[in-house]
Amino acid sequence: MRLHGMLSPGRANLHGTLSARTVIGAELYEGAYTVHSAVHEAQELPTANKHLVKNITVEKIPYFETSNTADGITIYIGDEREVEIYG
């Protein structure tokens, strides 16, 4: 860490490089930054006490609507299913 400059009650003039990893002593997170929702299982990213370099993105849960034989709407949450209609 290199930081040099002058601090006074009315002004601050600092120049240099400051590394957050050095200051907080956090290990760099090297896992996935995008998570796809899972319907039947919980997911946990091992990010506790780690330094992240970008935001984590949680993908949306798929949602589909289709008409049905009872003149209503069938909703699919989680994944798309092919529906067979029997007459």
PDB file of N, CA and C in Angstrom:
ATOM      1  N   MET A   1       0.847  -1.170   0.000  1.00  0.00           N
ATOM      2  CA  MET A   1       0.000   0.000   0.000  1.00  0.00           C
ATOM      3  C   MET A   1       0.891   1.230   0.000  1.00  0.00           C
ATOM      4  N   ARG A   2       0.629   2.147  -0.942  1.00  0.00           N
ATOM      5  CA  ARG A   2       1.371   3.405  -1.001  1.00  0.00           C
ATOM      6  C   ARG A   2       0.361   4.536  -0.994  1.00  0.00           C
ATOM      7  N   LEU A   3       0.498   5.426  -0.052  1.00  0.00           N
ATOM      8  CA  LEU A   3      -0.376   6.580   0.032  1.00  0.00           C
ATOM      9  C   LEU A   3       0.443   7.723   0.591  1.00  0.00           C
ATOM     10  N   HIS A   4       0.458   8.836  -0.130  1.00  0.00           N
ATOM     11  CA  HIS A   4       1.214   9.976   0.364  1.00  0.00           C
ATOM     12  C   HIS A   4       0.432  11.244   0.094  1.00  0.00           C
ATOM     13  N   GLY A   5       0.696  12.272   0.842  1.00  0.00           N
ATOM     14  CA  GLY A   5      -0.010  13.518   0.657  1.00  0.00           C
ATOM     15  C   GLY A   5      -0.017  14.338   1.940  1.00  0.00           C
ATOM     16  N   MET A   6      -1.007  15.212   2.025  1.00  0.00           N
ATOM     17  CA  MET A   6      -1.079  16.102   3.172  1.00  0.00           C
ATOM     18  C   MET A   6      -2.525  16.197   3.657  1.00  0.00           C
ATOM     19  N   LEU A   7      -2.708  16.046   4.958  1.00  0.00           N
ATOM     20  CA  LEU A   7      -4.017  16.232   5.578  1.00  0.00           C
ATOM     21  C   LEU A   7      -3.952  17.437   6.498  1.00  0.00           C
ATOM     22  N   SER A   8      -4.956  18.269   6.405  1.00  0.00           N
ATOM     23  CA  SER A   8      -5.062  19.402   7.326  1.00  0.00           C
ATOM     24  C   SER A   8      -6.533  19.554   7.691  1.00  0.00           C
ATOM     25  N   PRO A   9      -6.864  20.327   8.731  1.00  0.00           N
ATOM     26  CA  PRO A   9      -8.252  20.440   9.168  1.00  0.00           C
ATOM     27  C   PRO A   9      -9.204  20.910   8.056  1.00  0.00           C
ATOM     28  N   GLY A  10      -8.744  21.728   7.143  1.00  0.00           N
ATOM     29  CA  GLY A  10      -9.624  22.256   6.113  1.00  0.00           C
ATOM     30  C   GLY A  10      -9.505  21.578   4.765  1.00  0.00           C
ATOM     31  N   ARG A  11      -8.466  20.786   4.540  1.00  0.00           N
ATOM     32  CA  ARG A  11      -8.235  20.205   3.215  1.00  0.00           C
ATOM     33  C   ARG A  11      -7.621  18.816   3.329  1.00  0.00           C
ATOM     34  N   ALA A  12      -7.778  18.077   2.266  1.00  0.00           N
ATOM     35  CA  ALA A  12      -7.121  16.774   2.145  1.00  0.00           C
ATOM     36  C   ALA A  12      -6.578  16.672   0.731  1.00  0.00           C
ATOM     37  N   ASN A  13      -5.329  16.339   0.605  1.00  0.00           N
ATOM     38  CA  ASN A  13      -4.688  16.186  -0.690  1.00  0.00           C
ATOM     39  C   ASN A  13      -3.845  14.920  -0.631  1.00  0.00           C
ATOM     40  N   LEU A  14      -4.415  13.822  -1.122  1.00  0.00           N
ATOM     41  CA  LEU A  14      -3.726  12.542  -1.056  1.00  0.00           C
ATOM     42  C   LEU A  14      -3.561  11.967  -2.460  1.00  0.00           C
ATOM     43  N   HIS A  15      -2.464  11.276  -2.691  1.00  0.00           N
ATOM     44  CA  HIS A  15      -2.186  10.635  -3.964  1.00  0.00           C
ATOM     45  C   HIS A  15      -1.644   9.245  -3.676  1.00  0.00           C
ATOM     46  N   GLY A  16      -1.926   8.318  -4.562  1.00  0.00           N
ATOM     47  CA  GLY A  16      -1.337   6.995  -4.399  1.00  0.00           C
ATOM     48  C   GLY A  16      -2.294   5.880  -4.735  1.00  0.00           C
ATOM     49  N   THR A  17      -1.943   4.695  -4.273  1.00  0.00           N
ATOM     50  CA  THR A  17      -2.717   3.495  -4.541  1.00  0.00           C
ATOM     51  C   THR A  17      -3.109   2.860  -3.227  1.00  0.00           C
ATOM     52  N   LEU A  18      -4.365   2.469  -3.132  1.00  0.00           N
ATOM     53  CA  LEU A  18      -4.857   1.817  -1.928  1.00  0.00           C
ATOM     54  C   LEU A  18      -5.551   0.532  -2.353  1.00  0.00           C
ATOM     55  N   SER A  19      -5.152  -0.577  -1.806  1.00  0.00           N
ATOM     56  CA  SER A  19      -5.737  -1.867  -2.154  1.00  0.00           C
ATOM     57  C   SER A  19      -6.660  -2.312  -1.037  1.00  0.00           C
ATOM     58  N   ALA A  20      -7.936  -2.534  -1.361  1.00  0.00           N
ATOM     59  CA  ALA A  20      -8.907  -2.967  -0.353  1.00  0.00           C
ATOM     60  C   ALA A  20      -8.534  -4.333   0.209  1.00  0.00           C
ATOM     61  N   ARG A  21      -7.995  -5.218  -0.604  1.00  0.00           N
ATOM     62  CA  ARG A  21      -7.628  -6.539  -0.130  1.00  0.00           C
ATOM     63  C   ARG A  21      -6.560  -6.432   0.958  1.00  0.00           C
ATOM     64  N   THR A  22      -5.641  -5.511   0.796  1.00  0.00           N
ATOM     65  CA  THR A  22      -4.596  -5.325   1.793  1.00  0.00           C
ATOM     66  C   THR A  22      -5.166  -4.720   3.066  1.00  0.00           C
ATOM     67  N   VAL A  23      -6.068  -3.768   2.924  1.00  0.00           N
ATOM     68  CA  VAL A  23      -6.608  -3.067   4.088  1.00  0.00           C
ATOM     69  C   VAL A  23      -7.523  -3.956   4.906  1.00  0.00           C
ATOM     70  N   ILE A  24      -8.457  -4.656   4.272  1.00  0.00           N
ATOM     71  CA  ILE A  24      -9.400  -5.459   5.034  1.00  0.00           C
ATOM     72  C   ILE A  24      -8.958  -6.908   5.183  1.00  0.00           C
ATOM     73  N   GLY A  25      -7.950  -7.305   4.488  1.00  0.00           N
ATOM     74  CA  GLY A  25      -7.422  -8.651   4.602  1.00  0.00           C
ATOM     75  C   GLY A  25      -8.360  -9.718   4.065  1.00  0.00           C
ATOM     76  N   ALA A  26      -9.242  -9.371   3.142  1.00  0.00           N
ATOM     77  CA  ALA A  26     -10.207 -10.329   2.610  1.00  0.00           C
ATOM     78  C   ALA A  26      -9.619 -11.100   1.439  1.00  0.00           C
ATOM     79  N   GLU A  27      -9.968 -12.362   1.395  1.00  0.00           N
ATOM     80  CA  GLU A  27      -9.568 -13.221   0.285  1.00  0.00           C
ATOM     81  C   GLU A  27     -10.445 -12.884  -0.924  1.00  0.00           C
ATOM     82  N   LEU A  28      -9.899 -12.965  -2.105  1.00  0.00           N
ATOM     83  CA  LEU A  28     -10.637 -12.678  -3.330  1.00  0.00           C
ATOM     84  C   LEU A  28     -11.614 -13.808  -3.633  1.00  0.00           C
ATOM     85  N   TYR A  29     -12.881 -13.468  -3.926  1.00  0.00           N
ATOM     86  CA  TYR A  29     -13.889 -14.461  -4.302  1.00  0.00           C
ATOM     87  C   TYR A  29     -13.638 -14.888  -5.740  1.00  0.00           C
ATOM     88  N   GLU A  30     -13.525 -16.180  -5.960  1.00  0.00           N
ATOM     89  CA  GLU A  30     -13.229 -16.702  -7.294  1.00  0.00           C
ATOM     90  C   GLU A  30     -14.328 -17.602  -7.826  1.00  0.00           C
ATOM     91  N   GLY A  31     -15.522 -17.543  -7.239  1.00  0.00           N
ATOM     92  CA  GLY A  31     -16.628 -18.390  -7.680  1.00  0.00           C
ATOM     93  C   GLY A  31     -17.464 -17.728  -8.755  1.00  0.00           C
ATOM     94  N   ALA A  32     -18.637 -18.304  -8.986  1.00  0.00           N
ATOM     95  CA  ALA A  32     -19.565 -17.819 -10.009  1.00  0.00           C
ATOM     96  C   ALA A  32     -20.172 -16.475  -9.604  1.00  0.00           C
ATOM     97  N   TYR A  33     -20.399 -15.615 -10.577  1.00  0.00           N
ATOM     98  CA  TYR A  33     -21.043 -14.326 -10.343  1.00  0.00           C
ATOM     99  C   TYR A  33     -22.454 -14.295 -10.919  1.00  0.00           C
ATOM    100  N   THR A  34     -22.866 -15.380 -11.587  1.00  0.00           N
ATOM    101  CA  THR A  34     -24.229 -15.498 -12.101  1.00  0.00           C
ATOM    102  C   THR A  34     -24.818 -16.788 -11.566  1.00  0.00           C
ATOM    103  N   VAL A  35     -26.019 -16.685 -10.999  1.00  0.00           N
ATOM    104  CA  VAL A  35     -26.699 -17.840 -10.422  1.00  0.00           C
ATOM    105  C   VAL A  35     -28.012 -18.030 -11.152  1.00  0.00           C
ATOM    106  N   HIS A  36     -28.303 -19.240 -11.567  1.00  0.00           N
ATOM    107  CA  HIS A  36     -29.577 -19.583 -12.198  1.00  0.00           C
ATOM    108  C   HIS A  36     -30.466 -20.186 -11.116  1.00  0.00           C
ATOM    109  N   SER A  37     -31.668 -19.672 -11.002  1.00  0.00           N
ATOM    110  CA  SER A  37     -32.598 -20.141  -9.976  1.00  0.00           C
ATOM    111  C   SER A  37     -32.862 -21.626 -10.136  1.00  0.00           C
ATOM    112  N   ALA A  38     -32.897 -22.311  -9.024  1.00  0.00           N
ATOM    113  CA  ALA A  38     -33.215 -23.732  -9.021  1.00  0.00           C
ATOM    114  C   ALA A  38     -34.525 -23.921  -8.255  1.00  0.00           C
ATOM    115  N   VAL A  39     -35.447 -24.677  -8.844  1.00  0.00           N
ATOM    116  CA  VAL A  39     -36.769 -24.828  -8.249  1.00  0.00           C
ATOM    117  C   VAL A  39     -36.732 -25.688  -6.993  1.00  0.00           C
ATOM    118  N   HIS A  40     -35.990 -26.762  -7.006  1.00  0.00           N
ATOM    119  CA  HIS A  40     -36.064 -27.736  -5.919  1.00  0.00           C
ATOM    120  C   HIS A  40     -34.841 -27.762  -5.009  1.00  0.00           C
ATOM    121  N   GLU A  41     -33.956 -26.783  -5.135  1.00  0.00           N
ATOM    122  CA  GLU A  41     -32.789 -26.815  -4.259  1.00  0.00           C
ATOM    123  C   GLU A  41     -32.323 -25.396  -3.959  1.00  0.00           C
ATOM    124  N   ALA A  42     -31.847 -25.204  -2.749  1.00  0.00           N
ATOM    125  CA  ALA A  42     -31.289 -23.912  -2.360  1.00  0.00           C
ATOM    126  C   ALA A  42     -29.863 -23.830  -2.898  1.00  0.00           C
ATOM    127  N   GLN A  43     -29.434 -22.614  -3.179  1.00  0.00           N
ATOM    128  CA  GLN A  43     -28.069 -22.414  -3.644  1.00  0.00           C
ATOM    129  C   GLN A  43     -27.393 -21.425  -2.719  1.00  0.00           C
ATOM    130  N   GLU A  44     -26.139 -21.657  -2.465  1.00  0.00           N
ATOM    131  CA  GLU A  44     -25.374 -20.759  -1.614  1.00  0.00           C
ATOM    132  C   GLU A  44     -24.037 -20.478  -2.277  1.00  0.00           C
ATOM    133  N   LEU A  45     -23.706 -19.193  -2.396  1.00  0.00           N
ATOM    134  CA  LEU A  45     -22.408 -18.817  -2.941  1.00  0.00           C
ATOM    135  C   LEU A  45     -21.472 -18.547  -1.763  1.00  0.00           C
ATOM    136  N   PRO A  46     -20.280 -19.115  -1.779  1.00  0.00           N
ATOM    137  CA  PRO A  46     -19.355 -18.952  -0.657  1.00  0.00           C
ATOM    138  C   PRO A  46     -18.670 -17.577  -0.678  1.00  0.00           C
ATOM    139  N   THR A  47     -19.437 -16.524  -0.374  1.00  0.00           N
ATOM    140  CA  THR A  47     -18.925 -15.157  -0.457  1.00  0.00           C
ATOM    141  C   THR A  47     -18.629 -14.522   0.901  1.00  0.00           C
ATOM    142  N   ALA A  48     -18.931 -15.200   1.992  1.00  0.00           N
ATOM    143  CA  ALA A  48     -18.715 -14.613   3.322  1.00  0.00           C
ATOM    144  C   ALA A  48     -17.241 -14.250   3.516  1.00  0.00           C
ATOM    145  N   ASN A  49     -17.012 -13.044   3.958  1.00  0.00           N
ATOM    146  CA  ASN A  49     -15.664 -12.529   4.236  1.00  0.00           C
ATOM    147  C   ASN A  49     -14.749 -12.550   3.013  1.00  0.00           C
ATOM    148  N   LYS A  50     -15.324 -12.417   1.821  1.00  0.00           N
ATOM    149  CA  LYS A  50     -14.543 -12.398   0.586  1.00  0.00           C
ATOM    150  C   LYS A  50     -14.693 -11.034  -0.089  1.00  0.00           C
ATOM    151  N   HIS A  51     -13.717 -10.680  -0.884  1.00  0.00           N
ATOM    152  CA  HIS A  51     -13.746  -9.448  -1.672  1.00  0.00           C
ATOM    153  C   HIS A  51     -14.281  -9.792  -3.055  1.00  0.00           C
ATOM    154  N   LEU A  52     -15.409  -9.167  -3.440  1.00  0.00           N
ATOM    155  CA  LEU A  52     -16.006  -9.404  -4.754  1.00  0.00           C
ATOM    156  C   LEU A  52     -15.606  -8.280  -5.689  1.00  0.00           C
ATOM    157  N   VAL A  53     -15.319  -8.611  -6.950  1.00  0.00           N
ATOM    158  CA  VAL A  53     -14.891  -7.598  -7.911  1.00  0.00           C
ATOM    159  C   VAL A  53     -16.022  -7.094  -8.790  1.00  0.00           C
ATOM    160  N   LYS A  54     -17.196  -7.756  -8.739  1.00  0.00           N
ATOM    161  CA  LYS A  54     -18.357  -7.280  -9.485  1.00  0.00           C
ATOM    162  C   LYS A  54     -19.616  -7.757  -8.782  1.00  0.00           C
ATOM    163  N   ASN A  55     -20.774  -7.290  -9.222  1.00  0.00           N
ATOM    164  CA  ASN A  55     -22.048  -7.669  -8.629  1.00  0.00           C
ATOM    165  C   ASN A  55     -22.414  -9.107  -8.982  1.00  0.00           C
ATOM    166  N   ILE A  56     -23.142  -9.748  -8.079  1.00  0.00           N
ATOM    167  CA  ILE A  56     -23.678 -11.071  -8.349  1.00  0.00           C
ATOM    168  C   ILE A  56     -25.036 -10.890  -9.005  1.00  0.00           C
ATOM    169  N   THR A  57     -25.295 -11.649 -10.070  1.00  0.00           N
ATOM    170  CA  THR A  57     -26.572 -11.596 -10.785  1.00  0.00           C
ATOM    171  C   THR A  57     -27.340 -12.877 -10.504  1.00  0.00           C
ATOM    172  N   VAL A  58     -28.587 -12.737 -10.055  1.00  0.00           N
ATOM    173  CA  VAL A  58     -29.467 -13.881  -9.856  1.00  0.00           C
ATOM    174  C   VAL A  58     -30.480 -13.844 -10.991  1.00  0.00           C
ATOM    175  N   GLU A  59     -30.432 -14.860 -11.842  1.00  0.00           N
ATOM    176  CA  GLU A  59     -31.332 -14.925 -12.993  1.00  0.00           C
ATOM    177  C   GLU A  59     -32.771 -15.082 -12.513  1.00  0.00           C
ATOM    178  N   LYS A  60     -33.716 -14.550 -13.288  1.00  0.00           N
ATOM    179  CA  LYS A  60     -35.126 -14.643 -12.908  1.00  0.00           C
ATOM    180  C   LYS A  60     -35.623 -16.084 -13.038  1.00  0.00           C
ATOM    181  N   ILE A  61     -36.663 -16.384 -12.277  1.00  0.00           N
ATOM    182  CA  ILE A  61     -37.304 -17.687 -12.353  1.00  0.00           C
ATOM    183  C   ILE A  61     -38.238 -17.656 -13.558  1.00  0.00           C
ATOM    184  N   PRO A  62     -38.124 -18.632 -14.467  1.00  0.00           N
ATOM    185  CA  PRO A  62     -38.999 -18.636 -15.637  1.00  0.00           C
ATOM    186  C   PRO A  62     -40.479 -18.705 -15.237  1.00  0.00           C
ATOM    187  N   TYR A  63     -41.316 -17.993 -15.979  1.00  0.00           N
ATOM    188  CA  TYR A  63     -42.752 -17.910 -15.717  1.00  0.00           C
ATOM    189  C   TYR A  63     -43.473 -17.949 -17.059  1.00  0.00           C
ATOM    190  N   PHE A  64     -44.374 -18.911 -17.232  1.00  0.00           N
ATOM    191  CA  PHE A  64     -45.093 -19.051 -18.493  1.00  0.00           C
ATOM    192  C   PHE A  64     -46.574 -19.203 -18.216  1.00  0.00           C
ATOM    193  N   GLU A  65     -47.404 -18.667 -19.099  1.00  0.00           N
ATOM    194  CA  GLU A  65     -48.854 -18.826 -19.028  1.00  0.00           C
ATOM    195  C   GLU A  65     -49.337 -19.430 -20.342  1.00  0.00           C
ATOM    196  N   THR A  66     -50.365 -20.286 -20.237  1.00  0.00           N
ATOM    197  CA  THR A  66     -50.985 -20.849 -21.431  1.00  0.00           C
ATOM    198  C   THR A  66     -52.470 -21.057 -21.153  1.00  0.00           C
ATOM    199  N   SER A  67     -53.260 -21.001 -22.193  1.00  0.00           N
ATOM    200  CA  SER A  67     -54.688 -21.266 -22.000  1.00  0.00           C
ATOM    201  C   SER A  67     -54.876 -22.760 -21.790  1.00  0.00           C
ATOM    202  N   ASN A  68     -56.006 -23.137 -21.164  1.00  0.00           N
ATOM    203  CA  ASN A  68     -56.277 -24.555 -20.946  1.00  0.00           C
ATOM    204  C   ASN A  68     -57.685 -24.903 -21.416  1.00  0.00           C
ATOM    205  N   THR A  69     -58.023 -26.191 -21.363  1.00  0.00           N
ATOM    206  CA  THR A  69     -59.305 -26.666 -21.893  1.00  0.00           C
ATOM    207  C   THR A  69     -60.498 -26.235 -21.054  1.00  0.00           C
ATOM    208  N   ALA A  70     -60.286 -25.729 -19.855  1.00  0.00           N
ATOM    209  CA  ALA A  70     -61.379 -25.278 -18.997  1.00  0.00           C
ATOM    210  C   ALA A  70     -61.620 -23.782 -19.161  1.00  0.00           C
ATOM    211  N   ASP A  71     -61.113 -23.211 -20.255  1.00  0.00           N
ATOM    212  CA  ASP A  71     -61.250 -21.773 -20.526  1.00  0.00           C
ATOM    213  C   ASP A  71     -60.536 -20.916 -19.481  1.00  0.00           C
ATOM    214  N   GLY A  72     -59.492 -21.443 -18.898  1.00  0.00           N
ATOM    215  CA  GLY A  72     -58.715 -20.702 -17.902  1.00  0.00           C
ATOM    216  C   GLY A  72     -57.281 -20.555 -18.360  1.00  0.00           C
ATOM    217  N   ILE A  73     -56.445 -20.208 -17.426  1.00  0.00           N
ATOM    218  CA  ILE A  73     -55.011 -20.037 -17.714  1.00  0.00           C
ATOM    219  C   ILE A  73     -54.232 -20.966 -16.801  1.00  0.00           C
ATOM    220  N   THR A  74     -53.306 -21.694 -17.371  1.00  0.00           N
ATOM    221  CA  THR A  74     -52.389 -22.527 -16.598  1.00  0.00           C
ATOM    222  C   THR A  74     -51.060 -21.788 -16.513  1.00  0.00           C
ATOM    223  N   ILE A  75     -50.518 -21.716 -15.320  1.00  0.00           N
ATOM    224  CA  ILE A  75     -49.261 -20.999 -15.083  1.00  0.00           C
ATOM    225  C   ILE A  75     -48.173 -22.011 -14.749  1.00  0.00           C
ATOM    226  N   TYR A  76     -47.018 -21.846 -15.367  1.00  0.00           N
ATOM    227  CA  TYR A  76     -45.849 -22.675 -15.092  1.00  0.00           C
ATOM    228  C   TYR A  76     -44.779 -21.782 -14.488  1.00  0.00           C
ATOM    229  N   ILE A  77     -44.346 -22.140 -13.300  1.00  0.00           N
ATOM    230  CA  ILE A  77     -43.290 -21.385 -12.636  1.00  0.00           C
ATOM    231  C   ILE A  77     -42.104 -22.314 -12.461  1.00  0.00           C
ATOM    232  N   GLY A  78     -40.965 -21.918 -12.942  1.00  0.00           N
ATOM    233  CA  GLY A  78     -39.751 -22.714 -12.779  1.00  0.00           C
ATOM    234  C   GLY A  78     -39.189 -23.210 -14.088  1.00  0.00           C
ATOM    235  N   ASP A  79     -40.009 -23.826 -14.903  1.00  0.00           N
ATOM    236  CA  ASP A  79     -39.553 -24.225 -16.227  1.00  0.00           C
ATOM    237  C   ASP A  79     -40.764 -24.452 -17.124  1.00  0.00           C
ATOM    238  N   GLU A  80     -40.527 -24.463 -18.417  1.00  0.00           N
ATOM    239  CA  GLU A  80     -41.605 -24.597 -19.388  1.00  0.00           C
ATOM    240  C   GLU A  80     -41.887 -26.082 -19.626  1.00  0.00           C
ATOM    241  N   ARG A  81     -43.152 -26.431 -19.653  1.00  0.00           N
ATOM    242  CA  ARG A  81     -43.563 -27.813 -19.906  1.00  0.00           C
ATOM    243  C   ARG A  81     -44.420 -27.857 -21.159  1.00  0.00           C
ATOM    244  N   GLU A  82     -44.275 -28.912 -21.919  1.00  0.00           N
ATOM    245  CA  GLU A  82     -45.149 -29.100 -23.063  1.00  0.00           C
ATOM    246  C   GLU A  82     -46.426 -29.762 -22.567  1.00  0.00           C
ATOM    247  N   VAL A  83     -47.552 -29.198 -22.923  1.00  0.00           N
ATOM    248  CA  VAL A  83     -48.836 -29.692 -22.425  1.00  0.00           C
ATOM    249  C   VAL A  83     -49.543 -30.444 -23.537  1.00  0.00           C
ATOM    250  N   GLU A  84     -49.999 -31.670 -23.238  1.00  0.00           N
ATOM    251  CA  GLU A  84     -50.779 -32.445 -24.193  1.00  0.00           C
ATOM    252  C   GLU A  84     -52.242 -32.255 -23.854  1.00  0.00           C
ATOM    253  N   ILE A  85     -53.058 -31.952 -24.860  1.00  0.00           N
ATOM    254  CA  ILE A  85     -54.475 -31.742 -24.651  1.00  0.00           C
ATOM    255  C   ILE A  85     -55.225 -32.966 -25.173  1.00  0.00           C
ATOM    256  N   TYR A  86     -56.016 -33.558 -24.282  1.00  0.00           N
ATOM    257  CA  TYR A  86     -56.796 -34.726 -24.659  1.00  0.00           C
ATOM    258  C   TYR A  86     -58.228 -34.288 -24.911  1.00  0.00           C
ATOM    259  N   GLY A  87     -58.837 -34.728 -25.995  1.00  0.00           N
ATOM    260  CA  GLY A  87     -60.162 -34.293 -26.367  1.00  0.00           C
ATOM    261  C   GLY A  87     -61.159 -35.280 -26.032  1.00  0.00           C
TER     262      GLY A  87
END
